[in-house]
Amino acid sequence: MGRGDLTNAEWDRLESFLPRGGARGGRWSDHRRVINGVLYRVRTGVQWRDLPERFGPWETVYKRHRRWSVDGTWQMLLSRIQAAEDAAGGIDWDVSVDSTAVRAHQHAAGARKAPPAGPSSKGGRAGDEPGRSGTAETGRAAGGGGQIGECLGRSRGGFTTKIHLAADGRCRPLAFVLTPGHYGDGPQLERVLEQVSVRRTGVGRPRTRPDRVLADKAYTSRRNRRYLRRRGIPHTIPERLDQQRHRKNRGSRGGRPTGFDSERYKKRNTVERTINRLKGFRAVATRYEKRAYIYLGTVTLATLVIWLRT
């Protein structure tokens, strides 16, 4: 076992969820070796062609990652691990929301505008639905449609993609959304929280509602507060100074001040620490993939490893 590879305990948790057959009735190459190869690339950010020989042919590793990114296998594995953790009472449902900009490498530009052909077979097991733990701006797996369709944009940080995420109280991503780098944070709150869905191990609907949501001033719009009240989710979001002045200037028509607990707000640092954990994976901290769905699979795999090792 090499540095960064799956341990025996981590492999035991994943093995039973992995697909049994390959394309056209064939057999998959050894799952553990291939997953370790993808993990090596996600951790180090090397080019696929430079993978060490111990992981087998680099084409096999790359194609497996591409296939499982488009058919939802990585998201299915993450959903299973989250469900087991929730059943054991291991999820802190005080959820913090924030975003981070990821610099896109020059090689991330230039994807074909026509959507590429997807894999010929699904990697997930029969009866499994892809998890809802991540989505791209396009709403379709194959991508296509120029820079916006591939979640690339120009922002203050340059050529970037933005990851909007919700983290539990133990610094683990519960859900995330990709957008171009120039998209604002506030308008994405609903989309991120709609992606929170932790399945039950037994009978019952997935859990989708946090105990509380914490966010910074970027999320303080009336629309976001109305959305949280409509879903019955308590929230701790500070009010901007200009909003306070505007409310006071309107007098009684301005409404009551928003409630804010400064002590509880200190817990929002969990999402900042979650982002630091994600960016410890070099292929997440810098985007090399041209296609949004492949980069989404990379972020999903990094998230899966965080859940396995926390």
C-alpha atoms as a PDB file:
ATOM      1  CA  MET A   1       0.000   0.000   0.000  1.00  0.00           C
ATOM      2  CA  GLY A   2       1.443   3.335  -1.078  1.00  0.00           C
ATOM      3  CA  ARG A   3       1.157   6.728   0.553  1.00  0.00           C
ATOM      4  CA  GLY A   4      -2.370   8.069   0.135  1.00  0.00           C
ATOM      5  CA  ASP A   5      -3.848   4.739  -1.000  1.00  0.00           C
ATOM      6  CA  LEU A   6      -7.021   3.318   0.506  1.00  0.00           C
ATOM      7  CA  THR A   7      -6.400   1.510   3.776  1.00  0.00           C
ATOM      8  CA  ASN A   8      -7.899  -1.931   4.395  1.00  0.00           C
ATOM      9  CA  ALA A   9     -10.581  -0.413   6.628  1.00  0.00           C
ATOM     10  CA  GLU A  10     -11.518   2.188   4.000  1.00  0.00           C
ATOM     11  CA  TRP A  11     -11.603  -0.446   1.275  1.00  0.00           C
ATOM     12  CA  ASP A  12     -13.895  -2.662   3.366  1.00  0.00           C
ATOM     13  CA  ARG A  13     -16.395   0.218   3.635  1.00  0.00           C
ATOM     14  CA  LEU A  14     -16.423   0.791  -0.146  1.00  0.00           C
ATOM     15  CA  GLU A  15     -16.079  -2.671  -1.646  1.00  0.00           C
ATOM     16  CA  SER A  16     -19.688  -3.817  -1.276  1.00  0.00           C
ATOM     17  CA  PHE A  17     -21.026  -0.705  -3.074  1.00  0.00           C
ATOM     18  CA  LEU A  18     -18.846  -0.957  -6.184  1.00  0.00           C
ATOM     19  CA  PRO A  19     -20.300  -2.111  -9.540  1.00  0.00           C
ATOM     20  CA  ARG A  20     -19.895  -5.794 -10.300  1.00  0.00           C
ATOM     21  CA  GLY A  21     -19.633  -5.945 -14.091  1.00  0.00           C
ATOM     22  CA  GLY A  22     -17.902  -3.981 -16.824  1.00  0.00           C
ATOM     23  CA  ALA A  23     -18.889  -2.768 -20.275  1.00  0.00           C
ATOM     24  CA  ARG A  24     -20.556  -5.263 -22.648  1.00  0.00           C
ATOM     25  CA  GLY A  25     -20.624  -7.988 -20.015  1.00  0.00           C
ATOM     26  CA  GLY A  26     -16.861  -7.821 -19.470  1.00  0.00           C
ATOM     27  CA  ARG A  27     -14.917  -7.577 -16.222  1.00  0.00           C
ATOM     28  CA  TRP A  28     -13.578  -4.458 -14.561  1.00  0.00           C
ATOM     29  CA  SER A  29      -9.872  -4.151 -13.922  1.00  0.00           C
ATOM     30  CA  ASP A  30      -9.128  -4.445 -10.199  1.00  0.00           C
ATOM     31  CA  HIS A  31     -11.219  -1.736  -8.537  1.00  0.00           C
ATOM     32  CA  ARG A  32      -8.844  -1.092  -5.663  1.00  0.00           C
ATOM     33  CA  ARG A  33      -5.800  -0.562  -7.864  1.00  0.00           C
ATOM     34  CA  VAL A  34      -7.677   1.746 -10.249  1.00  0.00           C
ATOM     35  CA  ILE A  35      -9.261   3.807  -7.444  1.00  0.00           C
ATOM     36  CA  ASN A  36      -5.838   4.190  -5.840  1.00  0.00           C
ATOM     37  CA  GLY A  37      -4.573   5.432  -9.202  1.00  0.00           C
ATOM     38  CA  VAL A  38      -7.325   8.053  -9.395  1.00  0.00           C
ATOM     39  CA  LEU A  39      -6.610   9.043  -5.776  1.00  0.00           C
ATOM     40  CA  TYR A  40      -2.922   9.469  -6.590  1.00  0.00           C
ATOM     41  CA  ARG A  41      -3.747  11.807  -9.430  1.00  0.00           C
ATOM     42  CA  VAL A  42      -6.319  13.797  -7.389  1.00  0.00           C
ATOM     43  CA  ARG A  43      -3.858  14.134  -4.497  1.00  0.00           C
ATOM     44  CA  THR A  44      -0.802  15.119  -6.553  1.00  0.00           C
ATOM     45  CA  GLY A  45      -2.292  16.772  -9.644  1.00  0.00           C
ATOM     46  CA  VAL A  46       0.064  14.976 -12.068  1.00  0.00           C
ATOM     47  CA  GLN A  47      -0.882  14.431 -15.687  1.00  0.00           C
ATOM     48  CA  TRP A  48      -2.693  11.171 -16.312  1.00  0.00           C
ATOM     49  CA  ARG A  49       0.126   9.908 -18.526  1.00  0.00           C
ATOM     50  CA  ASP A  50       2.579  10.306 -15.633  1.00  0.00           C
ATOM     51  CA  LEU A  51       0.812   7.889 -13.265  1.00  0.00           C
ATOM     52  CA  PRO A  52       3.203   5.303 -11.767  1.00  0.00           C
ATOM     53  CA  GLU A  53       3.146   1.884 -13.422  1.00  0.00           C
ATOM     54  CA  ARG A  54       1.889   0.186 -10.247  1.00  0.00           C
ATOM     55  CA  PHE A  55      -1.604   1.510 -11.035  1.00  0.00           C
ATOM     56  CA  GLY A  56      -1.714  -0.168 -14.434  1.00  0.00           C
ATOM     57  CA  PRO A  57      -2.349   1.527 -17.803  1.00  0.00           C
ATOM     58  CA  TRP A  58      -3.099   5.226 -17.336  1.00  0.00           C
ATOM     59  CA  GLU A  59      -5.881   5.031 -19.947  1.00  0.00           C
ATOM     60  CA  THR A  60      -7.753   2.538 -17.762  1.00  0.00           C
ATOM     61  CA  VAL A  61      -7.493   4.792 -14.713  1.00  0.00           C
ATOM     62  CA  TYR A  62      -8.576   7.903 -16.618  1.00  0.00           C
ATOM     63  CA  LYS A  63     -11.496   6.210 -18.383  1.00  0.00           C
ATOM     64  CA  ARG A  64     -12.765   4.725 -15.111  1.00  0.00           C
ATOM     65  CA  HIS A  65     -12.710   8.165 -13.490  1.00  0.00           C
ATOM     66  CA  ARG A  66     -14.463   9.699 -16.498  1.00  0.00           C
ATOM     67  CA  ARG A  67     -17.112   6.981 -16.607  1.00  0.00           C
ATOM     68  CA  TRP A  68     -17.849   7.129 -12.893  1.00  0.00           C
ATOM     69  CA  SER A  69     -17.997  10.927 -13.024  1.00  0.00           C
ATOM     70  CA  VAL A  70     -20.659  10.940 -15.728  1.00  0.00           C
ATOM     71  CA  ASP A  71     -22.833   8.052 -14.492  1.00  0.00           C
ATOM     72  CA  GLY A  72     -22.910   9.128 -10.826  1.00  0.00           C
ATOM     73  CA  THR A  73     -20.915   6.265  -9.296  1.00  0.00           C
ATOM     74  CA  TRP A  74     -18.684   8.601  -7.260  1.00  0.00           C
ATOM     75  CA  GLN A  75     -21.790  10.405  -5.988  1.00  0.00           C
ATOM     76  CA  MET A  76     -23.467   7.082  -5.184  1.00  0.00           C
ATOM     77  CA  LEU A  77     -20.467   6.009  -3.082  1.00  0.00           C
ATOM     78  CA  LEU A  78     -20.442   9.336  -1.255  1.00  0.00           C
ATOM     79  CA  SER A  79     -24.183   9.065  -0.619  1.00  0.00           C
ATOM     80  CA  ARG A  80     -23.748   5.577   0.886  1.00  0.00           C
ATOM     81  CA  ILE A  81     -20.947   6.679   3.205  1.00  0.00           C
ATOM     82  CA  GLN A  82     -22.922   9.735   4.331  1.00  0.00           C
ATOM     83  CA  ALA A  83     -25.980   7.567   5.019  1.00  0.00           C
ATOM     84  CA  ALA A  84     -23.954   5.166   7.180  1.00  0.00           C
ATOM     85  CA  GLU A  85     -22.417   8.090   9.086  1.00  0.00           C
ATOM     86  CA  ASP A  86     -25.818   9.667   9.703  1.00  0.00           C
ATOM     87  CA  ALA A  87     -27.251   6.361  10.924  1.00  0.00           C
ATOM     88  CA  ALA A  88     -24.439   6.228  13.488  1.00  0.00           C
ATOM     89  CA  GLY A  89     -25.208   9.788  14.619  1.00  0.00           C
ATOM     90  CA  GLY A  90     -21.903  11.075  13.261  1.00  0.00           C
ATOM     91  CA  ILE A  91     -23.188  14.133  11.339  1.00  0.00           C
ATOM     92  CA  ASP A  92     -23.406  17.531  13.006  1.00  0.00           C
ATOM     93  CA  TRP A  93     -26.365  19.187  11.256  1.00  0.00           C
ATOM     94  CA  ASP A  94     -25.313  22.768  12.031  1.00  0.00           C
ATOM     95  CA  VAL A  95     -24.454  23.471   8.396  1.00  0.00           C
ATOM     96  CA  SER A  96     -22.187  26.301   7.203  1.00  0.00           C
ATOM     97  CA  VAL A  97     -22.293  27.605   3.619  1.00  0.00           C
ATOM     98  CA  ASP A  98     -19.556  29.390   1.684  1.00  0.00           C
ATOM     99  CA  SER A  99     -17.692  29.290  -1.624  1.00  0.00           C
ATOM    100  CA  THR A 100     -14.130  29.207  -2.904  1.00  0.00           C
ATOM    101  CA  ALA A 101     -12.632  30.195  -6.249  1.00  0.00           C
ATOM    102  CA  VAL A 102     -10.388  27.646  -7.964  1.00  0.00           C
ATOM    103  CA  ARG A 103      -7.843  28.820 -10.499  1.00  0.00           C
ATOM    104  CA  ALA A 104      -8.280  27.042 -13.817  1.00  0.00           C
ATOM    105  CA  HIS A 105      -5.116  25.924 -15.590  1.00  0.00           C
ATOM    106  CA  GLN A 106      -4.671  27.037 -19.181  1.00  0.00           C
ATOM    107  CA  HIS A 107      -5.253  23.422 -20.241  1.00  0.00           C
ATOM    108  CA  ALA A 108      -8.798  23.632 -18.847  1.00  0.00           C
ATOM    109  CA  ALA A 109      -9.831  25.889 -21.751  1.00  0.00           C
ATOM    110  CA  GLY A 110     -10.743  24.807 -25.253  1.00  0.00           C
ATOM    111  CA  ALA A 111     -13.315  22.056 -24.719  1.00  0.00           C
ATOM    112  CA  ARG A 112     -15.464  21.168 -27.726  1.00  0.00           C
ATOM    113  CA  LYS A 113     -18.797  22.980 -27.763  1.00  0.00           C
ATOM    114  CA  ALA A 114     -20.655  19.843 -28.817  1.00  0.00           C
ATOM    115  CA  PRO A 115     -21.340  17.532 -25.835  1.00  0.00           C
ATOM    116  CA  PRO A 116     -19.089  14.446 -25.952  1.00  0.00           C
ATOM    117  CA  ALA A 117     -20.544  10.955 -26.157  1.00  0.00           C
ATOM    118  CA  GLY A 118     -21.111   9.457 -22.726  1.00  0.00           C
ATOM    119  CA  PRO A 119     -19.978   5.994 -21.605  1.00  0.00           C
ATOM    120  CA  SER A 120     -21.863   3.072 -23.121  1.00  0.00           C
ATOM    121  CA  SER A 121     -22.771   1.494 -19.777  1.00  0.00           C
ATOM    122  CA  LYS A 122     -23.596   2.659 -16.291  1.00  0.00           C
ATOM    123  CA  GLY A 123     -21.121   2.060 -13.502  1.00  0.00           C
ATOM    124  CA  GLY A 124     -23.622   2.102 -10.648  1.00  0.00           C
ATOM    125  CA  ARG A 125     -25.254  -1.042  -9.327  1.00  0.00           C
ATOM    126  CA  ALA A 126     -28.750  -1.941 -10.429  1.00  0.00           C
ATOM    127  CA  GLY A 127     -31.394  -0.125  -8.454  1.00  0.00           C
ATOM    128  CA  ASP A 128     -29.026   2.582  -7.223  1.00  0.00           C
ATOM    129  CA  GLU A 129     -29.824   6.182  -8.002  1.00  0.00           C
ATOM    130  CA  PRO A 130     -26.967   8.642  -8.436  1.00  0.00           C
ATOM    131  CA  GLY A 131     -26.424  10.718  -5.314  1.00  0.00           C
ATOM    132  CA  ARG A 132     -27.485  14.370  -5.089  1.00  0.00           C
ATOM    133  CA  SER A 133     -24.268  15.460  -3.453  1.00  0.00           C
ATOM    134  CA  GLY A 134     -23.032  17.617  -6.297  1.00  0.00           C
ATOM    135  CA  THR A 135     -24.093  19.328  -9.506  1.00  0.00           C
ATOM    136  CA  ALA A 136     -22.701  21.550 -12.199  1.00  0.00           C
ATOM    137  CA  GLU A 137     -24.202  24.754 -13.508  1.00  0.00           C
ATOM    138  CA  THR A 138     -25.248  23.120 -16.774  1.00  0.00           C
ATOM    139  CA  GLY A 139     -27.565  20.591 -15.141  1.00  0.00           C
ATOM    140  CA  ARG A 140     -26.351  17.879 -17.521  1.00  0.00           C
ATOM    141  CA  ALA A 141     -23.485  15.481 -17.155  1.00  0.00           C
ATOM    142  CA  ALA A 142     -21.926  15.807 -20.600  1.00  0.00           C
ATOM    143  CA  GLY A 143     -21.284  19.537 -20.412  1.00  0.00           C
ATOM    144  CA  GLY A 144     -20.769  21.548 -23.571  1.00  0.00           C
ATOM    145  CA  GLY A 145     -21.800  25.077 -24.440  1.00  0.00           C
ATOM    146  CA  GLY A 146     -18.638  27.156 -24.084  1.00  0.00           C
ATOM    147  CA  GLN A 147     -17.045  28.574 -20.964  1.00  0.00           C
ATOM    148  CA  ILE A 148     -20.278  29.082 -19.012  1.00  0.00           C
ATOM    149  CA  GLY A 149     -21.431  25.560 -19.819  1.00  0.00           C
ATOM    150  CA  GLU A 150     -18.153  24.179 -18.492  1.00  0.00           C
ATOM    151  CA  CYS A 151     -18.278  26.361 -15.328  1.00  0.00           C
ATOM    152  CA  LEU A 152     -15.382  28.598 -16.348  1.00  0.00           C
ATOM    153  CA  GLY A 153     -15.354  32.384 -16.005  1.00  0.00           C
ATOM    154  CA  ARG A 154     -13.251  35.482 -15.467  1.00  0.00           C
ATOM    155  CA  SER A 155     -13.156  36.854 -11.940  1.00  0.00           C
ATOM    156  CA  ARG A 156     -10.821  38.896  -9.790  1.00  0.00           C
ATOM    157  CA  GLY A 157      -8.727  35.747  -9.388  1.00  0.00           C
ATOM    158  CA  GLY A 158      -8.372  35.277 -13.140  1.00  0.00           C
ATOM    159  CA  PHE A 159      -9.663  32.279 -15.100  1.00  0.00           C
ATOM    160  CA  THR A 160     -11.610  30.425 -12.405  1.00  0.00           C
ATOM    161  CA  THR A 161     -14.301  27.988 -11.382  1.00  0.00           C
ATOM    162  CA  LYS A 162     -16.184  28.490  -8.133  1.00  0.00           C
ATOM    163  CA  ILE A 163     -17.178  25.722  -5.704  1.00  0.00           C
ATOM    164  CA  HIS A 164     -20.198  26.578  -3.544  1.00  0.00           C
ATOM    165  CA  LEU A 165     -20.514  24.121  -0.677  1.00  0.00           C
ATOM    166  CA  ALA A 166     -22.331  23.291   2.525  1.00  0.00           C
ATOM    167  CA  ALA A 167     -20.260  21.713   5.321  1.00  0.00           C
ATOM    168  CA  ASP A 168     -21.402  19.888   8.445  1.00  0.00           C
ATOM    169  CA  GLY A 169     -20.096  20.733  11.912  1.00  0.00           C
ATOM    170  CA  ARG A 170     -17.229  18.245  11.558  1.00  0.00           C
ATOM    171  CA  CYS A 171     -15.695  19.987   8.528  1.00  0.00           C
ATOM    172  CA  ARG A 172     -16.987  17.624   5.841  1.00  0.00           C
ATOM    173  CA  PRO A 173     -18.756  18.706   2.632  1.00  0.00           C
ATOM    174  CA  LEU A 174     -22.425  17.724   2.591  1.00  0.00           C
ATOM    175  CA  ALA A 175     -23.179  19.157  -0.854  1.00  0.00           C
ATOM    176  CA  PHE A 176     -21.577  21.376  -3.465  1.00  0.00           C
ATOM    177  CA  VAL A 177     -22.325  23.174  -6.725  1.00  0.00           C
ATOM    178  CA  LEU A 178     -19.975  24.326  -9.492  1.00  0.00           C
ATOM    179  CA  THR A 179     -20.407  27.660 -11.246  1.00  0.00           C
ATOM    180  CA  PRO A 180     -18.206  29.974 -13.338  1.00  0.00           C
ATOM    181  CA  GLY A 181     -15.830  32.004 -11.199  1.00  0.00           C
ATOM    182  CA  HIS A 182     -17.651  35.331 -11.634  1.00  0.00           C
ATOM    183  CA  TYR A 183     -20.962  34.081 -10.200  1.00  0.00           C
ATOM    184  CA  GLY A 184     -22.011  35.583  -6.866  1.00  0.00           C
ATOM    185  CA  ASP A 185     -22.369  33.616  -3.639  1.00  0.00           C
ATOM    186  CA  GLY A 186     -25.799  34.711  -2.408  1.00  0.00           C
ATOM    187  CA  PRO A 187     -27.871  33.525  -5.398  1.00  0.00           C
ATOM    188  CA  GLN A 188     -26.431  30.000  -5.029  1.00  0.00           C
ATOM    189  CA  LEU A 189     -27.631  29.379  -1.449  1.00  0.00           C
ATOM    190  CA  GLU A 190     -30.869  27.704  -2.522  1.00  0.00           C
ATOM    191  CA  ARG A 191     -29.105  25.518  -5.073  1.00  0.00           C
ATOM    192  CA  VAL A 192     -26.532  24.346  -2.541  1.00  0.00           C
ATOM    193  CA  LEU A 193     -29.095  23.534   0.157  1.00  0.00           C
ATOM    194  CA  GLU A 194     -31.303  21.746  -2.371  1.00  0.00           C
ATOM    195  CA  GLN A 195     -28.382  19.379  -2.965  1.00  0.00           C
ATOM    196  CA  VAL A 196     -28.234  18.342   0.701  1.00  0.00           C
ATOM    197  CA  SER A 197     -29.794  14.879   0.761  1.00  0.00           C
ATOM    198  CA  VAL A 198     -28.556  12.164   3.113  1.00  0.00           C
ATOM    199  CA  ARG A 199     -30.247   8.816   2.551  1.00  0.00           C
ATOM    200  CA  ARG A 200     -31.655   6.649   5.332  1.00  0.00           C
ATOM    201  CA  THR A 201     -30.111   3.222   5.796  1.00  0.00           C
ATOM    202  CA  GLY A 202     -33.593   1.847   6.470  1.00  0.00           C
ATOM    203  CA  VAL A 203     -37.047   3.020   5.465  1.00  0.00           C
ATOM    204  CA  GLY A 204     -37.707   6.738   5.128  1.00  0.00           C
ATOM    205  CA  ARG A 205     -37.079   9.763   3.018  1.00  0.00           C
ATOM    206  CA  PRO A 206     -33.589  11.262   2.768  1.00  0.00           C
ATOM    207  CA  ARG A 207     -32.801  13.986   5.269  1.00  0.00           C
ATOM    208  CA  THR A 208     -32.634  17.330   3.497  1.00  0.00           C
ATOM    209  CA  ARG A 209     -33.126  19.930   6.248  1.00  0.00           C
ATOM    210  CA  PRO A 210     -30.254  21.086   8.490  1.00  0.00           C
ATOM    211  CA  ASP A 211     -30.767  21.985  12.152  1.00  0.00           C
ATOM    212  CA  ARG A 212     -29.323  25.446  11.429  1.00  0.00           C
ATOM    213  CA  VAL A 213     -27.585  27.274   8.589  1.00  0.00           C
ATOM    214  CA  LEU A 214     -24.648  29.636   9.173  1.00  0.00           C
ATOM    215  CA  ALA A 215     -23.363  31.961   6.458  1.00  0.00           C
ATOM    216  CA  ASP A 216     -21.544  35.269   6.052  1.00  0.00           C
ATOM    217  CA  LYS A 217     -22.862  38.625   4.820  1.00  0.00           C
ATOM    218  CA  ALA A 218     -22.772  37.538   1.178  1.00  0.00           C
ATOM    219  CA  TYR A 219     -25.914  35.467   1.865  1.00  0.00           C
ATOM    220  CA  THR A 220     -27.922  38.085   3.760  1.00  0.00           C
ATOM    221  CA  SER A 221     -30.480  38.889   1.034  1.00  0.00           C
ATOM    222  CA  ARG A 222     -34.205  38.945   1.801  1.00  0.00           C
ATOM    223  CA  ARG A 223     -34.756  36.196  -0.729  1.00  0.00           C
ATOM    224  CA  ASN A 224     -32.406  33.855   1.111  1.00  0.00           C
ATOM    225  CA  ARG A 225     -33.994  34.635   4.474  1.00  0.00           C
ATOM    226  CA  ARG A 226     -37.480  34.031   3.048  1.00  0.00           C
ATOM    227  CA  TYR A 227     -36.340  30.736   1.587  1.00  0.00           C
ATOM    228  CA  LEU A 228     -34.905  29.565   4.932  1.00  0.00           C
ATOM    229  CA  ARG A 229     -38.042  30.642   6.835  1.00  0.00           C
ATOM    230  CA  ARG A 230     -40.259  28.848   4.302  1.00  0.00           C
ATOM    231  CA  ARG A 231     -38.349  25.615   4.903  1.00  0.00           C
ATOM    232  CA  GLY A 232     -38.342  26.131   8.671  1.00  0.00           C
ATOM    233  CA  ILE A 233     -34.552  26.282   8.918  1.00  0.00           C
ATOM    234  CA  PRO A 234     -33.134  28.530  11.694  1.00  0.00           C
ATOM    235  CA  HIS A 235     -30.237  30.603  10.427  1.00  0.00           C
ATOM    236  CA  THR A 236     -27.398  32.787  11.682  1.00  0.00           C
ATOM    237  CA  ILE A 237     -26.481  35.340   9.008  1.00  0.00           C
ATOM    238  CA  PRO A 238     -25.169  38.828   9.842  1.00  0.00           C
ATOM    239  CA  GLU A 239     -26.853  41.850   8.285  1.00  0.00           C
ATOM    240  CA  ARG A 240     -24.838  44.253   6.160  1.00  0.00           C
ATOM    241  CA  LEU A 241     -24.487  47.852   7.351  1.00  0.00           C
ATOM    242  CA  ASP A 242     -26.257  49.272   4.292  1.00  0.00           C
ATOM    243  CA  GLN A 243     -29.221  46.980   4.934  1.00  0.00           C
ATOM    244  CA  GLN A 244     -29.374  48.135   8.547  1.00  0.00           C
ATOM    245  CA  ARG A 245     -29.376  51.789   7.485  1.00  0.00           C
ATOM    246  CA  HIS A 246     -32.023  51.177   4.842  1.00  0.00           C
ATOM    247  CA  ARG A 247     -34.256  49.387   7.350  1.00  0.00           C
ATOM    248  CA  LYS A 248     -33.902  52.177   9.927  1.00  0.00           C
ATOM    249  CA  ASN A 249     -34.605  54.868   7.335  1.00  0.00           C
ATOM    250  CA  ARG A 250     -37.901  53.224   6.495  1.00  0.00           C
ATOM    251  CA  GLY A 251     -39.033  53.385  10.108  1.00  0.00           C
ATOM    252  CA  SER A 252     -41.844  51.015  11.043  1.00  0.00           C
ATOM    253  CA  ARG A 253     -42.106  49.890   7.419  1.00  0.00           C
ATOM    254  CA  GLY A 254     -38.553  48.564   7.564  1.00  0.00           C
ATOM    255  CA  GLY A 255     -39.534  45.637   9.780  1.00  0.00           C
ATOM    256  CA  ARG A 256     -37.864  44.177  12.813  1.00  0.00           C
ATOM    257  CA  PRO A 257     -34.094  43.657  13.071  1.00  0.00           C
ATOM    258  CA  THR A 258     -32.878  40.215  12.063  1.00  0.00           C
ATOM    259  CA  GLY A 259     -31.834  37.953  14.917  1.00  0.00           C
ATOM    260  CA  PHE A 260     -28.122  37.276  15.148  1.00  0.00           C
ATOM    261  CA  ASP A 261     -26.208  35.164  17.682  1.00  0.00           C
ATOM    262  CA  SER A 262     -22.537  36.176  17.600  1.00  0.00           C
ATOM    263  CA  GLU A 263     -21.458  33.207  19.738  1.00  0.00           C
ATOM    264  CA  ARG A 264     -23.141  30.671  17.476  1.00  0.00           C
ATOM    265  CA  TYR A 265     -21.716  32.464  14.425  1.00  0.00           C
ATOM    266  CA  LYS A 266     -18.191  31.543  15.565  1.00  0.00           C
ATOM    267  CA  LYS A 267     -18.921  27.997  14.453  1.00  0.00           C
ATOM    268  CA  ARG A 268     -18.984  29.140  10.817  1.00  0.00           C
ATOM    269  CA  ASN A 269     -15.226  28.564  10.644  1.00  0.00           C
ATOM    270  CA  THR A 270     -16.035  24.901   9.954  1.00  0.00           C
ATOM    271  CA  VAL A 271     -16.728  25.679   6.288  1.00  0.00           C
ATOM    272  CA  GLU A 272     -13.395  27.509   5.973  1.00  0.00           C
ATOM    273  CA  ARG A 273     -11.597  24.479   7.398  1.00  0.00           C
ATOM    274  CA  THR A 274     -13.561  22.243   5.014  1.00  0.00           C
ATOM    275  CA  ILE A 275     -12.346  24.301   2.058  1.00  0.00           C
ATOM    276  CA  ASN A 276      -8.759  23.941   3.332  1.00  0.00           C
ATOM    277  CA  ARG A 277      -9.218  20.169   3.444  1.00  0.00           C
ATOM    278  CA  LEU A 278     -10.573  20.077  -0.101  1.00  0.00           C
ATOM    279  CA  LYS A 279      -7.755  22.217  -1.436  1.00  0.00           C
ATOM    280  CA  GLY A 280      -5.243  19.861   0.122  1.00  0.00           C
ATOM    281  CA  PHE A 281      -5.969  17.791  -3.014  1.00  0.00           C
ATOM    282  CA  ARG A 282      -3.954  19.482  -5.750  1.00  0.00           C
ATOM    283  CA  ALA A 283      -6.284  18.465  -8.567  1.00  0.00           C
ATOM    284  CA  VAL A 284      -9.069  20.258  -6.666  1.00  0.00           C
ATOM    285  CA  ALA A 285      -7.031  23.363  -5.773  1.00  0.00           C
ATOM    286  CA  THR A 286      -6.207  23.843  -9.470  1.00  0.00           C
ATOM    287  CA  ARG A 287      -8.632  22.781 -12.170  1.00  0.00           C
ATOM    288  CA  TYR A 288      -6.990  20.938 -15.051  1.00  0.00           C
ATOM    289  CA  GLU A 289     -10.091  19.285 -16.573  1.00  0.00           C
ATOM    290  CA  LYS A 290     -11.748  20.800 -19.618  1.00  0.00           C
ATOM    291  CA  ARG A 291     -15.112  19.235 -18.788  1.00  0.00           C
ATOM    292  CA  ALA A 292     -17.127  20.382 -15.791  1.00  0.00           C
ATOM    293  CA  TYR A 293     -18.526  16.922 -15.082  1.00  0.00           C
ATOM    294  CA  ILE A 294     -15.031  15.398 -14.808  1.00  0.00           C
ATOM    295  CA  TYR A 295     -13.903  18.147 -12.436  1.00  0.00           C
ATOM    296  CA  LEU A 296     -17.105  17.600 -10.464  1.00  0.00           C
ATOM    297  CA  GLY A 297     -16.151  13.925 -10.182  1.00  0.00           C
ATOM    298  CA  THR A 298     -12.710  14.957  -8.928  1.00  0.00           C
ATOM    299  CA  VAL A 299     -14.258  17.139  -6.207  1.00  0.00           C
ATOM    300  CA  THR A 300     -16.681  14.332  -5.324  1.00  0.00           C
ATOM    301  CA  LEU A 301     -13.859  11.804  -4.926  1.00  0.00           C
ATOM    302  CA  ALA A 302     -11.876  14.205  -2.734  1.00  0.00           C
ATOM    303  CA  THR A 303     -15.012  14.673  -0.613  1.00  0.00           C
ATOM    304  CA  LEU A 304     -15.462  10.906  -0.371  1.00  0.00           C
ATOM    305  CA  VAL A 305     -11.906  10.519   0.943  1.00  0.00           C
ATOM    306  CA  ILE A 306     -12.501  13.254   3.530  1.00  0.00           C
ATOM    307  CA  TRP A 307     -15.569  11.368   4.783  1.00  0.00           C
ATOM    308  CA  LEU A 308     -13.704   8.061   4.897  1.00  0.00           C
ATOM    309  CA  ARG A 309     -10.788   9.528   6.860  1.00  0.00           C
ATOM    310  CA  THR A 310     -12.608  11.779   9.335  1.00  0.00           C
END
